[in-house]
Amino acid sequence: MSTEQTKEQNKAIVRRAIAALSRGDMEGFLADAADDFILAVMGSALPPIQGKEKALKGLRNALVARLENGGAIAMTIENLIADGDFVAEQARGVARTKDGKDYNNTYCRVWRITDGKVRAMQEYLDTELVRSCLLS
């Protein structure tokens, strides 16, 4: 497969994941994740999570349990930039917590994808908003 084909394949994986997150489908969000997937969120509020199953549990606890519509965050991808095994994604998300707070965040995620599998994702976002809406 050419480098350009790999970049487009990796972007497609990210698009599918974000579409699933928009539906509240956490399994779909991590459908292409490797079993040893690593999820890291900036800041100190959440330690890195290693393992696909642990990441799914964490997403269910943070999003499905606390957000309306089954944890769905209406996501809009603003930019996707692929280079080698990495895809940088800039996006905006809109959601509401079950207790009526707006959870509208901006994201930059750096995905590492090899051989069609998501190996890691580093997420940059408003950690104070996460703390006030999802961790309190």
N, C-alpha and C. Protein backbone atom coordinates (compact mmCIF):
# COMPACT_ATOMS: atom_id res chain seq x y z
N MET A 1 0.85 -1.17 0.00
CA MET A 1 0.00 0.00 0.00
C MET A 1 0.90 1.24 0.00
N SER A 2 0.53 2.23 -0.79
CA SER A 2 1.33 3.44 -0.86
C SER A 2 1.18 4.28 0.41
N THR A 3 2.11 5.19 0.59
CA THR A 3 2.05 6.09 1.75
C THR A 3 0.76 6.90 1.74
N GLU A 4 0.36 7.38 0.55
CA GLU A 4 -0.87 8.17 0.45
C GLU A 4 -2.10 7.33 0.79
N GLN A 5 -2.12 6.07 0.36
CA GLN A 5 -3.23 5.18 0.69
C GLN A 5 -3.29 4.92 2.20
N THR A 6 -2.14 4.74 2.82
CA THR A 6 -2.10 4.52 4.27
C THR A 6 -2.63 5.74 5.01
N LYS A 7 -2.23 6.94 4.57
CA LYS A 7 -2.72 8.16 5.21
C LYS A 7 -4.24 8.24 5.11
N GLU A 8 -4.78 7.95 3.93
CA GLU A 8 -6.23 8.01 3.74
C GLU A 8 -6.94 6.93 4.55
N GLN A 9 -6.36 5.74 4.62
CA GLN A 9 -6.93 4.67 5.44
C GLN A 9 -6.94 5.08 6.92
N ASN A 10 -5.86 5.67 7.39
CA ASN A 10 -5.79 6.10 8.78
C ASN A 10 -6.79 7.21 9.07
N LYS A 11 -6.95 8.15 8.15
CA LYS A 11 -7.96 9.19 8.32
C LYS A 11 -9.36 8.59 8.38
N ALA A 12 -9.62 7.59 7.55
CA ALA A 12 -10.94 6.93 7.55
C ALA A 12 -11.21 6.26 8.89
N ILE A 13 -10.20 5.67 9.49
CA ILE A 13 -10.35 5.05 10.82
C ILE A 13 -10.76 6.11 11.84
N VAL A 14 -10.11 7.26 11.80
CA VAL A 14 -10.44 8.35 12.74
C VAL A 14 -11.86 8.85 12.47
N ARG A 15 -12.22 9.04 11.21
CA ARG A 15 -13.59 9.50 10.90
C ARG A 15 -14.64 8.53 11.43
N ARG A 16 -14.41 7.22 11.26
CA ARG A 16 -15.36 6.21 11.78
C ARG A 16 -15.47 6.29 13.29
N ALA A 17 -14.34 6.45 13.94
CA ALA A 17 -14.33 6.52 15.41
C ALA A 17 -15.11 7.74 15.89
N ILE A 18 -14.90 8.88 15.27
CA ILE A 18 -15.57 10.11 15.69
C ILE A 18 -17.07 10.03 15.38
N ALA A 19 -17.44 9.43 14.27
CA ALA A 19 -18.87 9.23 13.96
C ALA A 19 -19.52 8.36 15.03
N ALA A 20 -18.82 7.33 15.48
CA ALA A 20 -19.36 6.47 16.54
C ALA A 20 -19.52 7.24 17.84
N LEU A 21 -18.54 8.05 18.19
CA LEU A 21 -18.63 8.86 19.41
C LEU A 21 -19.84 9.80 19.33
N SER A 22 -20.11 10.32 18.16
CA SER A 22 -21.27 11.20 17.97
C SER A 22 -22.59 10.48 18.23
N ARG A 23 -22.58 9.16 18.06
CA ARG A 23 -23.78 8.34 18.32
C ARG A 23 -23.81 7.79 19.75
N GLY A 24 -22.75 8.01 20.51
CA GLY A 24 -22.66 7.43 21.85
C GLY A 24 -22.25 5.96 21.81
N ASP A 25 -21.66 5.53 20.73
CA ASP A 25 -21.26 4.14 20.53
C ASP A 25 -19.78 3.99 20.91
N MET A 26 -19.54 3.70 22.18
CA MET A 26 -18.16 3.62 22.67
C MET A 26 -17.42 2.44 22.05
N GLU A 27 -18.12 1.32 21.84
CA GLU A 27 -17.48 0.17 21.19
C GLU A 27 -17.06 0.53 19.77
N GLY A 28 -17.91 1.28 19.07
CA GLY A 28 -17.57 1.73 17.73
C GLY A 28 -16.43 2.72 17.74
N PHE A 29 -16.39 3.58 18.76
CA PHE A 29 -15.30 4.55 18.89
C PHE A 29 -13.96 3.84 18.95
N LEU A 30 -13.91 2.70 19.62
CA LEU A 30 -12.66 1.95 19.76
C LEU A 30 -12.65 0.66 18.93
N ALA A 31 -13.50 0.58 17.92
CA ALA A 31 -13.60 -0.63 17.11
C ALA A 31 -12.27 -1.02 16.46
N ASP A 32 -11.50 -0.04 16.07
CA ASP A 32 -10.22 -0.32 15.40
C ASP A 32 -9.03 -0.26 16.35
N ALA A 33 -9.30 -0.17 17.65
CA ALA A 33 -8.21 -0.11 18.62
C ALA A 33 -7.60 -1.49 18.85
N ALA A 34 -6.30 -1.52 19.03
CA ALA A 34 -5.60 -2.74 19.40
C ALA A 34 -5.93 -3.09 20.86
N ASP A 35 -5.78 -4.34 21.22
CA ASP A 35 -6.07 -4.76 22.60
C ASP A 35 -5.20 -4.03 23.61
N ASP A 36 -3.97 -3.67 23.21
CA ASP A 36 -3.06 -2.97 24.12
C ASP A 36 -3.07 -1.46 23.91
N PHE A 37 -4.15 -0.94 23.34
CA PHE A 37 -4.37 0.48 23.09
C PHE A 37 -4.08 1.30 24.35
N ILE A 38 -3.50 2.49 24.15
CA ILE A 38 -3.23 3.41 25.26
C ILE A 38 -3.98 4.71 25.00
N LEU A 39 -4.79 5.12 25.98
CA LEU A 39 -5.53 6.38 25.93
C LEU A 39 -4.94 7.30 26.98
N ALA A 40 -4.43 8.44 26.52
CA ALA A 40 -3.86 9.42 27.45
C ALA A 40 -4.56 10.75 27.22
N VAL A 41 -4.94 11.39 28.32
CA VAL A 41 -5.59 12.69 28.28
C VAL A 41 -4.65 13.68 28.96
N MET A 42 -4.52 14.86 28.36
CA MET A 42 -3.60 15.85 28.93
C MET A 42 -3.98 16.18 30.38
N GLY A 43 -3.04 16.69 31.09
CA GLY A 43 -3.29 17.11 32.47
C GLY A 43 -3.20 15.95 33.44
N SER A 44 -3.50 16.24 34.67
CA SER A 44 -3.36 15.23 35.72
C SER A 44 -4.69 14.68 36.23
N ALA A 45 -5.81 15.13 35.65
CA ALA A 45 -7.12 14.67 36.14
C ALA A 45 -7.35 13.20 35.85
N LEU A 46 -6.80 12.72 34.75
CA LEU A 46 -6.99 11.33 34.34
C LEU A 46 -5.66 10.70 33.99
N PRO A 47 -5.26 9.65 34.70
CA PRO A 47 -4.02 8.97 34.33
C PRO A 47 -4.21 8.21 33.03
N PRO A 48 -3.13 7.93 32.30
CA PRO A 48 -3.25 7.14 31.06
C PRO A 48 -3.91 5.79 31.34
N ILE A 49 -4.69 5.33 30.38
CA ILE A 49 -5.37 4.04 30.49
C ILE A 49 -4.75 3.11 29.46
N GLN A 50 -4.29 1.95 29.91
CA GLN A 50 -3.70 0.99 28.99
C GLN A 50 -4.64 -0.21 28.86
N GLY A 51 -4.98 -0.53 27.62
CA GLY A 51 -5.85 -1.65 27.32
C GLY A 51 -7.20 -1.18 26.80
N LYS A 52 -7.65 -1.82 25.72
CA LYS A 52 -8.90 -1.45 25.08
C LYS A 52 -10.09 -1.61 26.03
N GLU A 53 -10.16 -2.69 26.75
CA GLU A 53 -11.29 -2.93 27.65
C GLU A 53 -11.32 -1.92 28.79
N LYS A 54 -10.17 -1.58 29.34
CA LYS A 54 -10.12 -0.56 30.39
C LYS A 54 -10.54 0.80 29.85
N ALA A 55 -10.12 1.11 28.61
CA ALA A 55 -10.50 2.37 28.00
C ALA A 55 -12.02 2.42 27.78
N LEU A 56 -12.60 1.33 27.33
CA LEU A 56 -14.06 1.27 27.16
C LEU A 56 -14.78 1.50 28.48
N LYS A 57 -14.29 0.86 29.52
CA LYS A 57 -14.90 1.04 30.84
C LYS A 57 -14.80 2.51 31.28
N GLY A 58 -13.64 3.12 31.07
CA GLY A 58 -13.46 4.52 31.43
C GLY A 58 -14.38 5.44 30.65
N LEU A 59 -14.54 5.18 29.36
CA LEU A 59 -15.45 5.99 28.53
C LEU A 59 -16.90 5.83 28.99
N ARG A 60 -17.28 4.62 29.30
CA ARG A 60 -18.65 4.40 29.79
C ARG A 60 -18.87 5.14 31.11
N ASN A 61 -17.90 5.09 32.00
CA ASN A 61 -18.03 5.76 33.30
C ASN A 61 -18.05 7.27 33.16
N ALA A 62 -17.25 7.81 32.25
CA ALA A 62 -17.16 9.26 32.11
C ALA A 62 -18.25 9.83 31.22
N LEU A 63 -18.58 9.14 30.13
CA LEU A 63 -19.50 9.71 29.15
C LEU A 63 -20.91 9.13 29.24
N VAL A 64 -21.03 7.83 29.11
CA VAL A 64 -22.36 7.20 29.09
C VAL A 64 -23.09 7.45 30.40
N ALA A 65 -22.38 7.35 31.50
CA ALA A 65 -23.02 7.52 32.81
C ALA A 65 -23.40 8.96 33.10
N ARG A 66 -22.72 9.92 32.48
CA ARG A 66 -22.93 11.33 32.86
C ARG A 66 -23.57 12.21 31.80
N LEU A 67 -23.56 11.77 30.53
CA LEU A 67 -24.10 12.62 29.47
C LEU A 67 -25.47 12.12 29.01
N GLU A 68 -26.29 13.07 28.58
CA GLU A 68 -27.57 12.71 27.96
C GLU A 68 -27.30 11.92 26.68
N ASN A 69 -28.34 11.33 26.15
CA ASN A 69 -28.27 10.63 24.86
C ASN A 69 -27.24 9.51 24.84
N GLY A 70 -27.12 8.80 25.94
CA GLY A 70 -26.25 7.63 25.98
C GLY A 70 -24.78 7.92 25.84
N GLY A 71 -24.37 9.14 26.20
CA GLY A 71 -22.96 9.49 26.12
C GLY A 71 -22.54 10.10 24.80
N ALA A 72 -23.52 10.34 23.93
CA ALA A 72 -23.19 10.91 22.61
C ALA A 72 -22.67 12.34 22.75
N ILE A 73 -21.63 12.62 22.01
CA ILE A 73 -21.10 13.98 21.87
C ILE A 73 -21.16 14.30 20.39
N ALA A 74 -21.96 15.28 20.02
CA ALA A 74 -22.08 15.66 18.61
C ALA A 74 -20.76 16.28 18.18
N MET A 75 -20.00 15.53 17.41
CA MET A 75 -18.65 15.94 17.04
C MET A 75 -18.61 16.52 15.63
N THR A 76 -17.80 17.55 15.47
CA THR A 76 -17.51 18.12 14.16
C THR A 76 -16.00 18.14 14.00
N ILE A 77 -15.52 17.39 13.03
CA ILE A 77 -14.09 17.40 12.74
C ILE A 77 -13.77 18.65 11.93
N GLU A 78 -12.79 19.40 12.40
CA GLU A 78 -12.38 20.61 11.70
C GLU A 78 -11.14 20.39 10.83
N ASN A 79 -10.24 19.54 11.27
CA ASN A 79 -9.02 19.24 10.51
C ASN A 79 -8.57 17.82 10.79
N LEU A 80 -8.05 17.16 9.76
CA LEU A 80 -7.37 15.88 9.90
C LEU A 80 -6.06 16.00 9.12
N ILE A 81 -4.97 15.73 9.81
CA ILE A 81 -3.66 15.80 9.19
C ILE A 81 -2.96 14.47 9.44
N ALA A 82 -2.59 13.78 8.38
CA ALA A 82 -1.94 12.48 8.51
C ALA A 82 -0.49 12.57 8.07
N ASP A 83 0.37 11.90 8.84
CA ASP A 83 1.78 11.82 8.50
C ASP A 83 2.32 10.52 9.09
N GLY A 84 2.76 9.62 8.25
CA GLY A 84 3.26 8.34 8.74
C GLY A 84 2.17 7.59 9.50
N ASP A 85 2.51 7.15 10.71
CA ASP A 85 1.57 6.40 11.54
C ASP A 85 0.66 7.30 12.38
N PHE A 86 0.72 8.60 12.17
CA PHE A 86 -0.02 9.53 13.03
C PHE A 86 -1.09 10.30 12.26
N VAL A 87 -2.21 10.53 12.96
CA VAL A 87 -3.26 11.41 12.46
C VAL A 87 -3.54 12.41 13.56
N ALA A 88 -3.47 13.69 13.23
CA ALA A 88 -3.86 14.74 14.17
C ALA A 88 -5.26 15.19 13.77
N GLU A 89 -6.14 15.23 14.74
CA GLU A 89 -7.54 15.58 14.52
C GLU A 89 -7.90 16.75 15.42
N GLN A 90 -8.44 17.80 14.83
CA GLN A 90 -9.00 18.92 15.59
C GLN A 90 -10.51 18.82 15.44
N ALA A 91 -11.23 18.95 16.57
CA ALA A 91 -12.67 18.79 16.53
C ALA A 91 -13.34 19.60 17.63
N ARG A 92 -14.64 19.78 17.46
CA ARG A 92 -15.50 20.39 18.47
C ARG A 92 -16.59 19.41 18.81
N GLY A 93 -16.98 19.41 20.09
CA GLY A 93 -18.04 18.52 20.52
C GLY A 93 -19.08 19.27 21.33
N VAL A 94 -20.33 18.86 21.17
CA VAL A 94 -21.44 19.47 21.88
C VAL A 94 -22.24 18.36 22.56
N ALA A 95 -22.47 18.52 23.86
CA ALA A 95 -23.26 17.56 24.62
C ALA A 95 -23.81 18.26 25.87
N ARG A 96 -24.65 17.55 26.58
CA ARG A 96 -25.22 18.07 27.82
C ARG A 96 -25.18 16.94 28.85
N THR A 97 -24.84 17.32 30.08
CA THR A 97 -24.83 16.32 31.14
C THR A 97 -26.26 16.01 31.58
N LYS A 98 -26.41 14.90 32.24
CA LYS A 98 -27.73 14.50 32.73
C LYS A 98 -28.29 15.48 33.75
N ASP A 99 -27.41 16.27 34.38
CA ASP A 99 -27.89 17.28 35.33
C ASP A 99 -27.98 18.68 34.70
N GLY A 100 -27.94 18.75 33.36
CA GLY A 100 -28.24 19.98 32.65
C GLY A 100 -27.08 20.91 32.34
N LYS A 101 -25.84 20.50 32.60
CA LYS A 101 -24.69 21.35 32.27
C LYS A 101 -24.29 21.14 30.81
N ASP A 102 -23.90 22.23 30.15
CA ASP A 102 -23.37 22.11 28.80
C ASP A 102 -21.97 21.51 28.86
N TYR A 103 -21.74 20.53 28.03
CA TYR A 103 -20.40 19.96 27.89
C TYR A 103 -20.00 20.16 26.42
N ASN A 104 -19.52 21.36 26.13
CA ASN A 104 -19.11 21.73 24.79
C ASN A 104 -17.60 21.94 24.83
N ASN A 105 -16.87 21.02 24.26
CA ASN A 105 -15.42 21.03 24.38
C ASN A 105 -14.77 21.11 23.01
N THR A 106 -13.52 21.54 23.00
CA THR A 106 -12.70 21.49 21.80
C THR A 106 -11.62 20.44 22.03
N TYR A 107 -11.23 19.78 20.97
CA TYR A 107 -10.32 18.64 21.08
C TYR A 107 -9.21 18.74 20.05
N CYS A 108 -8.07 18.26 20.44
CA CYS A 108 -7.01 17.90 19.51
C CYS A 108 -6.58 16.50 19.95
N ARG A 109 -6.74 15.55 19.07
CA ARG A 109 -6.33 14.18 19.37
C ARG A 109 -5.24 13.78 18.40
N VAL A 110 -4.23 13.14 18.93
CA VAL A 110 -3.16 12.60 18.10
C VAL A 110 -3.27 11.08 18.19
N TRP A 111 -3.61 10.49 17.07
CA TRP A 111 -3.83 9.05 16.96
C TRP A 111 -2.58 8.40 16.37
N ARG A 112 -2.14 7.29 16.96
CA ARG A 112 -1.06 6.49 16.35
C ARG A 112 -1.68 5.21 15.83
N ILE A 113 -1.60 5.01 14.53
CA ILE A 113 -2.26 3.89 13.86
C ILE A 113 -1.23 3.13 13.04
N THR A 114 -1.10 1.83 13.32
CA THR A 114 -0.20 0.99 12.53
C THR A 114 -0.95 -0.25 12.08
N ASP A 115 -0.74 -0.61 10.84
CA ASP A 115 -1.36 -1.81 10.26
C ASP A 115 -2.88 -1.83 10.48
N GLY A 116 -3.52 -0.67 10.38
CA GLY A 116 -4.97 -0.60 10.51
C GLY A 116 -5.51 -0.67 11.93
N LYS A 117 -4.64 -0.61 12.91
CA LYS A 117 -5.05 -0.67 14.32
C LYS A 117 -4.61 0.59 15.06
N VAL A 118 -5.52 1.14 15.85
CA VAL A 118 -5.19 2.30 16.68
C VAL A 118 -4.40 1.78 17.87
N ARG A 119 -3.17 2.24 17.97
CA ARG A 119 -2.29 1.79 19.05
C ARG A 119 -2.35 2.74 20.25
N ALA A 120 -2.54 4.04 19.96
CA ALA A 120 -2.56 5.02 21.05
C ALA A 120 -3.29 6.26 20.59
N MET A 121 -3.81 6.99 21.56
CA MET A 121 -4.41 8.28 21.30
C MET A 121 -4.10 9.20 22.46
N GLN A 122 -3.56 10.37 22.14
CA GLN A 122 -3.30 11.42 23.12
C GLN A 122 -4.35 12.49 22.87
N GLU A 123 -5.10 12.85 23.91
CA GLU A 123 -6.20 13.81 23.76
C GLU A 123 -5.89 15.08 24.54
N TYR A 124 -6.04 16.20 23.84
CA TYR A 124 -5.87 17.53 24.45
C TYR A 124 -7.23 18.20 24.42
N LEU A 125 -7.67 18.70 25.57
CA LEU A 125 -8.99 19.31 25.69
C LEU A 125 -9.03 20.19 26.92
N ASP A 126 -10.17 20.82 27.17
CA ASP A 126 -10.36 21.67 28.34
C ASP A 126 -10.55 20.75 29.55
N THR A 127 -9.48 20.56 30.32
CA THR A 127 -9.54 19.63 31.44
C THR A 127 -10.42 20.16 32.58
N GLU A 128 -10.53 21.45 32.72
CA GLU A 128 -11.41 22.01 33.77
C GLU A 128 -12.86 21.68 33.44
N LEU A 129 -13.22 21.75 32.17
CA LEU A 129 -14.58 21.39 31.77
C LEU A 129 -14.83 19.91 32.03
N VAL A 130 -13.86 19.07 31.74
CA VAL A 130 -13.98 17.64 32.04
C VAL A 130 -14.19 17.45 33.54
N ARG A 131 -13.38 18.11 34.34
CA ARG A 131 -13.47 17.97 35.79
C ARG A 131 -14.84 18.41 36.30
N SER A 132 -15.35 19.54 35.81
CA SER A 132 -16.61 20.08 36.35
C SER A 132 -17.84 19.32 35.84
N CYS A 133 -17.75 18.73 34.64
CA CYS A 133 -18.92 18.06 34.07
C CYS A 133 -18.89 16.55 34.20
N LEU A 134 -17.72 15.96 34.11
CA LEU A 134 -17.63 14.49 34.02
C LEU A 134 -17.02 13.81 35.22
N LEU A 135 -16.29 14.55 36.04
CA LEU A 135 -15.60 13.92 37.17
C LEU A 135 -16.15 14.33 38.52
N SER A 136 -17.08 15.25 38.55
CA SER A 136 -17.58 15.73 39.85
C SER A 136 -18.73 14.89 40.36
